[in-house]
Amino acid sequence: MTKYIDIITNAYTGYANYLLGEIINPSWHNYFYWLILVSVFFLILEVVIPWRRDQLKLRKDFWLDGFYMFFNFFIFSLIIHKAASDVVVNLFNDGIMALTGGFNLQAVNPMRDFPMYAILLIGFLVRDFVQWWIHRLLHKSERLWEFHKVHHSVEEMGFAAHLRFHWMESIIYKVLEYIPLALLGIGLYDFFVIHIFTLTWGHYNHSNIRISGKITGGILGALFGILTAHGLLEIPVLIEMIWWQKIGWVLFFSFLGSALLAKIMKYIFNSPEMHIWHHSYNLPADRHTGVNFGLTLAIWDYLFGTAYIPHTGKDIKLGFPGIEEFPDDFGGQVLHGFNGKGSTELINK
């Protein structure tokens, strides 16, 4: 018991110091400022090239979503999430060791000898797949849906809607995804690069913009070029390139990504045109538990038959039946889900 009290205490003090350090010491590995930078970037895009031109630049609930961004990623972590996560991780690891007579996940990590680029790729794919199933569960379970309704209470879509979700979702994802990821060795890494990539793509999925596959394919290619040229994937020959070679490398992969991925990007990655239907108020009766569950990748929805894009969905009604009575303030939304009421209606999520 003393061990776990120390874990909780250290989690609070450690995260508080970490968060303070992030704010006062900006760096390229600083999640706090990356969140701000990515958000400002998509805000500018929504102002300059809006998909729904009649939607206000600061749309309905924009400031509420902005508060959710900082609450879910920083304030909630300080209050509950970091301590709870550390306790869950240690309980799981201690339980495995006790039941198996000393089995140590760190020592037998099957990925410990993999090159970093392989770890990143496998980690991204497996994590996104596991989260896809958890997302489906949030829609399938009447109890969990009451928490997930907070995210679906968005009535006008914009990038900041990405981070409007009930704090219970963070706990659900953390608990359910940790076991399979840890057993595969993926949960033992802190994928900063993947976190930033999924943050950016999540903002894009919810944003009020529409970009062609040529552009998104080119961006993806450029990102690959940047990662490899700066040694983040640990490919020695690429690290040794001089500056003009690195620029050429990035431009080459940007062109290659645009040329090769343009027509298939919509089948690989989620997009505003796809994700808007996930938030649709009206869906066919045979899909009442939801569609398009992908967080970053779209391939899982196409593989498992949950993809649904009947048309662009530019001006469809968003939300769910009963949204008219759903709380429209932070306090009411945070308390929602704890009242013991599960939806007994056909849930159109």
Protein backbone atom coordinates (compact mmCIF):
# COMPACT_ATOMS: atom_id res chain seq x y z
CA MET A 1 0.00 0.00 0.00
CA THR A 2 2.86 2.37 0.83
CA LYS A 3 4.23 1.81 -2.68
CA TYR A 4 1.01 3.00 -4.30
CA ILE A 5 0.68 5.98 -1.99
CA ASP A 6 4.18 6.97 -3.09
CA ILE A 7 3.21 6.43 -6.74
CA ILE A 8 0.20 8.75 -6.37
CA THR A 9 2.22 11.37 -4.51
CA ASN A 10 5.05 11.26 -7.04
CA ALA A 11 2.57 11.41 -9.92
CA TYR A 12 1.04 14.65 -8.61
CA THR A 13 4.32 16.37 -7.85
CA GLY A 14 6.04 14.98 -10.94
CA TYR A 15 3.30 16.04 -13.34
CA ALA A 16 2.97 19.46 -11.72
CA ASN A 17 6.69 20.04 -12.19
CA TYR A 18 6.52 18.65 -15.73
CA LEU A 19 3.62 20.92 -16.68
CA LEU A 20 5.31 23.98 -15.18
CA GLY A 21 8.50 23.07 -17.05
CA GLU A 22 6.57 22.72 -20.32
CA ILE A 23 5.07 26.19 -19.92
CA ILE A 24 8.22 28.07 -18.95
CA ASN A 25 10.71 26.09 -21.08
CA PRO A 26 9.46 25.82 -24.70
CA SER A 27 11.15 23.10 -26.78
CA TRP A 28 10.51 20.87 -29.80
CA HIS A 29 9.43 18.09 -27.43
CA ASN A 30 6.98 20.33 -25.58
CA TYR A 31 3.41 19.02 -25.89
CA PHE A 32 1.86 22.15 -24.37
CA TYR A 33 3.07 24.44 -27.14
CA TRP A 34 2.58 21.84 -29.84
CA LEU A 35 -1.11 21.76 -28.90
CA ILE A 36 -1.30 25.55 -29.20
CA LEU A 37 0.70 25.63 -32.45
CA VAL A 38 -1.38 22.92 -34.16
CA SER A 39 -4.63 24.54 -32.97
CA VAL A 40 -3.66 28.00 -34.24
CA PHE A 41 -2.61 26.47 -37.57
CA PHE A 42 -6.05 24.89 -38.11
CA LEU A 43 -7.83 28.00 -36.89
CA ILE A 44 -6.03 29.98 -39.61
CA LEU A 45 -6.96 27.35 -42.22
CA GLU A 46 -10.62 27.49 -41.16
CA VAL A 47 -10.58 31.27 -41.58
CA VAL A 48 -8.76 31.26 -44.93
CA ILE A 49 -10.24 28.17 -46.67
CA PRO A 50 -13.45 27.21 -44.84
CA TRP A 51 -15.45 24.25 -46.14
CA ARG A 52 -18.75 25.65 -44.78
CA ARG A 53 -18.39 29.31 -45.65
CA ASP A 54 -21.60 30.34 -43.89
CA GLN A 55 -20.35 28.96 -40.56
CA LEU A 56 -19.00 31.56 -38.15
CA LYS A 57 -15.21 31.65 -37.82
CA LEU A 58 -15.59 31.31 -34.05
CA ARG A 59 -18.41 28.80 -34.36
CA LYS A 60 -20.94 27.80 -31.73
CA ASP A 61 -19.22 26.50 -28.56
CA PHE A 62 -15.75 27.39 -29.87
CA TRP A 63 -14.59 28.70 -26.47
CA LEU A 64 -16.14 25.72 -24.66
CA ASP A 65 -14.15 23.38 -26.89
CA GLY A 66 -11.04 25.48 -26.32
CA PHE A 67 -11.41 25.00 -22.58
CA TYR A 68 -11.92 21.25 -23.07
CA MET A 69 -8.60 21.13 -24.94
CA PHE A 70 -6.63 22.39 -21.98
CA PHE A 71 -8.76 20.65 -19.36
CA ASN A 72 -8.51 17.16 -20.88
CA PHE A 73 -4.83 17.34 -21.74
CA PHE A 74 -3.43 19.20 -18.76
CA ILE A 75 -5.80 20.10 -15.89
CA PHE A 76 -7.40 16.64 -15.75
CA SER A 77 -3.97 14.97 -15.92
CA LEU A 78 -2.89 17.09 -12.97
CA ILE A 79 -6.03 16.31 -10.94
CA ILE A 80 -6.61 12.61 -11.67
CA HIS A 81 -5.30 11.05 -14.85
CA LYS A 82 -1.55 10.86 -14.25
CA ALA A 83 -1.89 9.36 -10.77
CA ALA A 84 -4.61 6.93 -11.87
CA SER A 85 -2.59 5.88 -14.92
CA ASP A 86 0.53 5.21 -12.90
CA VAL A 87 -1.44 3.14 -10.38
CA VAL A 88 -3.13 1.08 -13.15
CA VAL A 89 0.20 0.44 -14.89
CA ASN A 90 1.92 -0.67 -11.69
CA LEU A 91 -1.03 -2.80 -10.57
CA PHE A 92 -1.05 -4.56 -13.92
CA ASN A 93 2.71 -5.15 -13.95
CA ASP A 94 2.76 -6.31 -10.32
CA GLY A 95 -0.21 -8.59 -10.99
CA ILE A 96 1.52 -10.17 -13.99
CA MET A 97 4.68 -10.76 -11.95
CA ALA A 98 2.71 -12.26 -9.07
CA LEU A 99 0.65 -14.60 -11.26
CA THR A 100 3.57 -15.75 -13.39
CA GLY A 101 6.26 -15.94 -10.75
CA GLY A 102 8.35 -13.03 -11.92
CA PHE A 103 7.39 -12.38 -15.55
CA ASN A 104 8.74 -8.90 -16.38
CA LEU A 105 7.31 -7.03 -19.35
CA GLN A 106 10.34 -4.77 -19.59
CA ALA A 107 12.78 -7.66 -19.64
CA VAL A 108 10.91 -9.69 -22.28
CA ASN A 109 9.71 -6.77 -24.41
CA PRO A 110 9.45 -8.41 -27.86
CA MET A 111 10.20 -5.09 -29.56
CA ARG A 112 13.28 -4.05 -27.62
CA ASP A 113 15.65 -4.97 -30.46
CA PHE A 114 13.52 -3.50 -33.24
CA PRO A 115 14.77 -0.38 -35.08
CA MET A 116 12.92 2.78 -34.09
CA TYR A 117 11.12 3.16 -37.42
CA ALA A 118 9.63 -0.33 -37.01
CA ILE A 119 8.60 0.38 -33.42
CA LEU A 120 6.93 3.64 -34.47
CA LEU A 121 5.07 2.05 -37.39
CA ILE A 122 3.91 -1.00 -35.42
CA GLY A 123 3.06 1.15 -32.41
CA PHE A 124 0.98 3.52 -34.50
CA LEU A 125 -0.94 0.77 -36.32
CA VAL A 126 -1.66 -1.38 -33.25
CA ARG A 127 -2.57 1.57 -31.04
CA ASP A 128 -4.97 2.98 -33.65
CA PHE A 129 -6.56 -0.45 -34.15
CA VAL A 130 -7.08 -0.99 -30.42
CA GLN A 131 -8.53 2.50 -30.06
CA TRP A 132 -10.88 1.84 -32.98
CA TRP A 133 -12.41 -1.07 -31.06
CA ILE A 134 -12.64 0.98 -27.87
CA HIS A 135 -14.39 3.74 -29.82
CA ARG A 136 -16.90 1.20 -31.11
CA LEU A 137 -17.47 0.07 -27.52
CA LEU A 138 -18.23 3.65 -26.46
CA HIS A 139 -21.03 3.61 -29.01
CA LYS A 140 -22.24 0.06 -28.42
CA SER A 141 -22.46 0.22 -24.62
CA GLU A 142 -25.45 2.22 -23.43
CA ARG A 143 -23.61 3.09 -20.22
CA LEU A 144 -20.45 4.32 -21.90
CA TRP A 145 -22.45 6.13 -24.56
CA GLU A 146 -23.76 8.49 -21.88
CA PHE A 147 -20.17 9.70 -21.38
CA HIS A 148 -19.39 9.71 -25.10
CA LYS A 149 -22.41 11.92 -25.76
CA VAL A 150 -20.30 14.89 -24.64
CA HIS A 151 -18.17 14.56 -27.76
CA HIS A 152 -21.23 14.11 -29.96
CA SER A 153 -22.93 17.19 -28.52
CA VAL A 154 -20.99 19.25 -31.09
CA GLU A 155 -23.52 20.91 -33.42
CA GLU A 156 -21.09 22.88 -35.59
CA MET A 157 -17.88 21.12 -36.55
CA GLY A 158 -14.46 22.69 -36.12
CA PHE A 159 -10.94 21.57 -35.19
CA ALA A 160 -11.39 22.24 -31.45
CA ALA A 161 -14.27 19.73 -31.32
CA HIS A 162 -11.56 17.08 -31.49
CA LEU A 163 -10.81 17.53 -27.80
CA ARG A 164 -14.33 17.98 -26.46
CA PHE A 165 -14.85 14.71 -24.63
CA HIS A 166 -15.76 13.55 -21.13
CA TRP A 167 -12.77 12.89 -18.88
CA MET A 168 -14.04 9.35 -18.23
CA GLU A 169 -13.08 8.51 -21.81
CA SER A 170 -9.42 9.09 -20.96
CA ILE A 171 -9.67 6.51 -18.18
CA ILE A 172 -11.57 4.02 -20.35
CA TYR A 173 -9.05 4.27 -23.17
CA LYS A 174 -6.08 4.07 -20.81
CA VAL A 175 -7.32 0.99 -18.96
CA LEU A 176 -8.54 -0.97 -22.00
CA GLU A 177 -5.66 -0.18 -24.33
CA TYR A 178 -2.83 -0.65 -21.85
CA ILE A 179 -3.05 -4.45 -21.51
CA PRO A 180 -2.81 -5.40 -25.22
CA LEU A 181 -0.26 -2.67 -25.92
CA ALA A 182 1.87 -3.62 -22.92
CA LEU A 183 1.86 -7.33 -23.78
CA LEU A 184 3.10 -6.47 -27.27
CA GLY A 185 5.77 -4.20 -25.81
CA ILE A 186 4.23 -1.09 -27.38
CA GLY A 187 2.90 0.29 -24.12
CA LEU A 188 6.45 0.54 -22.81
CA TYR A 189 7.27 3.45 -25.12
CA ASP A 190 6.21 7.09 -25.01
CA PHE A 191 5.64 7.85 -28.69
CA PHE A 192 5.93 11.64 -28.78
CA VAL A 193 6.04 11.66 -32.58
CA ILE A 194 2.88 9.54 -32.78
CA HIS A 195 1.10 11.73 -30.21
CA ILE A 196 1.76 14.86 -32.25
CA PHE A 197 0.80 13.16 -35.51
CA THR A 198 -2.49 11.83 -34.15
CA LEU A 199 -3.22 15.18 -32.48
CA THR A 200 -2.74 16.94 -35.81
CA TRP A 201 -4.80 14.43 -37.77
CA GLY A 202 -7.56 14.53 -35.15
CA HIS A 203 -7.73 18.31 -35.51
CA TYR A 204 -7.87 17.85 -39.28
CA ASN A 205 -10.72 15.29 -39.11
CA HIS A 206 -12.87 17.70 -37.13
CA SER A 207 -11.88 20.89 -38.95
CA ASN A 208 -14.03 23.05 -41.20
CA ILE A 209 -11.76 22.57 -44.21
CA ARG A 210 -11.58 20.25 -47.19
CA ILE A 211 -8.25 19.31 -48.75
CA SER A 212 -7.55 17.11 -51.77
CA GLY A 213 -5.75 13.79 -51.56
CA LYS A 214 -2.84 15.24 -53.52
CA ILE A 215 -2.16 17.74 -50.76
CA THR A 216 -2.64 15.36 -47.83
CA GLY A 217 -0.54 12.73 -49.61
CA GLY A 218 2.17 15.32 -50.20
CA ILE A 219 2.08 16.38 -46.54
CA LEU A 220 2.36 12.75 -45.41
CA GLY A 221 5.32 12.23 -47.72
CA ALA A 222 6.99 15.39 -46.45
CA LEU A 223 6.51 14.28 -42.84
CA PHE A 224 8.19 10.98 -43.63
CA GLY A 225 11.04 12.86 -45.27
CA ILE A 226 11.46 15.15 -42.26
CA LEU A 227 11.45 12.24 -39.78
CA THR A 228 14.03 10.27 -41.71
CA ALA A 229 16.24 13.25 -42.57
CA HIS A 230 16.48 14.33 -38.93
CA GLY A 231 17.33 10.90 -37.62
CA LEU A 232 14.10 10.31 -35.70
CA LEU A 233 13.72 6.89 -37.34
CA GLU A 234 17.39 6.00 -36.71
CA ILE A 235 18.42 5.30 -40.32
CA PRO A 236 22.19 6.13 -40.23
CA VAL A 237 22.77 6.93 -43.91
CA LEU A 238 20.05 9.58 -43.84
CA ILE A 239 21.30 11.23 -40.67
CA GLU A 240 24.63 11.94 -42.35
CA MET A 241 23.12 14.04 -45.15
CA ILE A 242 23.99 17.76 -45.27
CA TRP A 243 21.28 20.44 -45.16
CA TRP A 244 20.61 20.79 -48.90
CA GLN A 245 20.40 17.01 -49.29
CA LYS A 246 17.84 16.88 -46.47
CA ILE A 247 15.72 19.56 -48.15
CA GLY A 248 15.86 17.63 -51.42
CA TRP A 249 14.96 14.43 -49.58
CA VAL A 250 11.89 16.04 -48.01
CA LEU A 251 10.76 17.58 -51.33
CA PHE A 252 11.24 14.25 -53.11
CA PHE A 253 9.04 12.37 -50.66
CA SER A 254 6.47 15.16 -50.70
CA PHE A 255 6.19 14.79 -54.48
CA LEU A 256 6.19 10.99 -54.21
CA GLY A 257 3.45 11.02 -51.55
CA SER A 258 1.31 13.38 -53.62
CA ALA A 259 1.70 11.30 -56.77
CA LEU A 260 1.26 7.84 -55.28
CA LEU A 261 -1.24 8.42 -52.46
CA ALA A 262 -3.61 11.02 -53.93
CA LYS A 263 -6.34 8.58 -54.97
CA ILE A 264 -6.11 6.26 -51.97
CA MET A 265 -5.65 8.68 -49.07
CA LYS A 266 -9.40 8.65 -48.34
CA TYR A 267 -9.25 4.87 -47.86
CA ILE A 268 -6.20 4.99 -45.61
CA PHE A 269 -6.71 8.06 -43.42
CA ASN A 270 -9.73 9.66 -41.83
CA SER A 271 -10.84 13.03 -43.18
CA PRO A 272 -13.41 15.80 -42.51
CA GLU A 273 -15.66 14.37 -45.24
CA MET A 274 -15.60 10.97 -43.56
CA HIS A 275 -15.68 12.00 -39.92
CA ILE A 276 -18.59 14.42 -40.36
CA TRP A 277 -20.81 11.36 -40.85
CA HIS A 278 -19.64 9.92 -37.55
CA HIS A 279 -21.27 12.97 -35.92
CA SER A 280 -24.44 12.81 -38.03
CA TYR A 281 -27.78 13.26 -36.26
CA ASN A 282 -29.55 11.03 -38.78
CA LEU A 283 -28.20 7.66 -39.84
CA PRO A 284 -29.85 4.62 -41.48
CA ALA A 285 -31.66 2.27 -39.12
CA ASP A 286 -29.22 -0.56 -39.80
CA ARG A 287 -26.32 1.67 -38.68
CA HIS A 288 -27.89 3.18 -35.58
CA THR A 289 -24.87 2.33 -33.41
CA GLY A 290 -22.64 4.56 -35.50
CA VAL A 291 -20.30 4.66 -38.48
CA ASN A 292 -16.75 5.72 -39.32
CA PHE A 293 -15.16 4.92 -35.96
CA GLY A 294 -11.57 5.49 -37.10
CA LEU A 295 -9.52 7.93 -35.04
CA THR A 296 -6.66 8.46 -37.48
CA LEU A 297 -6.89 5.60 -39.96
CA ALA A 298 -9.92 4.88 -42.14
CA ILE A 299 -8.81 1.39 -43.16
CA TRP A 300 -10.42 -0.32 -40.18
CA ASP A 301 -13.86 1.01 -41.15
CA TYR A 302 -13.45 -0.23 -44.71
CA LEU A 303 -12.15 -3.62 -43.54
CA PHE A 304 -14.97 -4.17 -41.04
CA GLY A 305 -17.80 -2.65 -43.05
CA THR A 306 -18.48 0.43 -40.90
CA ALA A 307 -17.43 3.01 -43.51
CA TYR A 308 -20.29 5.28 -44.61
CA ILE A 309 -20.00 8.33 -46.87
CA PRO A 310 -23.22 8.63 -48.95
CA HIS A 311 -22.23 12.15 -50.05
CA THR A 312 -19.96 14.99 -48.90
CA GLY A 313 -22.03 15.64 -45.77
CA LYS A 314 -21.09 19.31 -45.87
CA ASP A 315 -24.31 20.63 -44.32
CA ILE A 316 -25.78 17.63 -42.51
CA LYS A 317 -27.32 18.01 -39.05
CA LEU A 318 -24.96 17.00 -36.25
CA GLY A 319 -25.61 15.56 -32.81
CA PHE A 320 -27.97 12.83 -31.61
CA PRO A 321 -31.68 12.45 -30.77
CA GLY A 322 -32.22 14.24 -27.48
CA ILE A 323 -29.40 16.73 -27.92
CA GLU A 324 -31.91 19.52 -27.43
CA GLU A 325 -32.11 18.59 -23.72
CA PHE A 326 -28.40 17.82 -23.35
CA PRO A 327 -26.42 20.22 -21.08
CA ASP A 328 -24.68 22.99 -23.02
CA ASP A 329 -22.23 24.01 -20.28
CA PHE A 330 -19.02 22.38 -19.05
CA GLY A 331 -20.29 21.59 -15.56
CA GLY A 332 -23.47 19.96 -16.79
CA GLN A 333 -21.63 17.92 -19.40
CA VAL A 334 -18.99 16.71 -16.92
CA LEU A 335 -21.69 15.54 -14.50
CA HIS A 336 -23.66 13.87 -17.27
CA GLY A 337 -23.13 10.12 -17.33
CA PHE A 338 -23.05 9.75 -13.56
CA ASN A 339 -26.81 9.93 -13.15
CA GLY A 340 -27.23 6.21 -13.77
CA LYS A 341 -29.31 6.67 -16.90
CA GLY A 342 -28.42 4.73 -20.00
CA SER A 343 -30.12 5.49 -23.27
CA THR A 344 -32.92 2.99 -23.91
CA GLU A 345 -33.62 4.42 -27.35
CA LEU A 346 -32.03 3.35 -30.59
CA ILE A 347 -28.80 5.29 -30.24
CA ASN A 348 -27.88 7.39 -33.25
CA LYS A 349 -24.33 8.26 -32.41
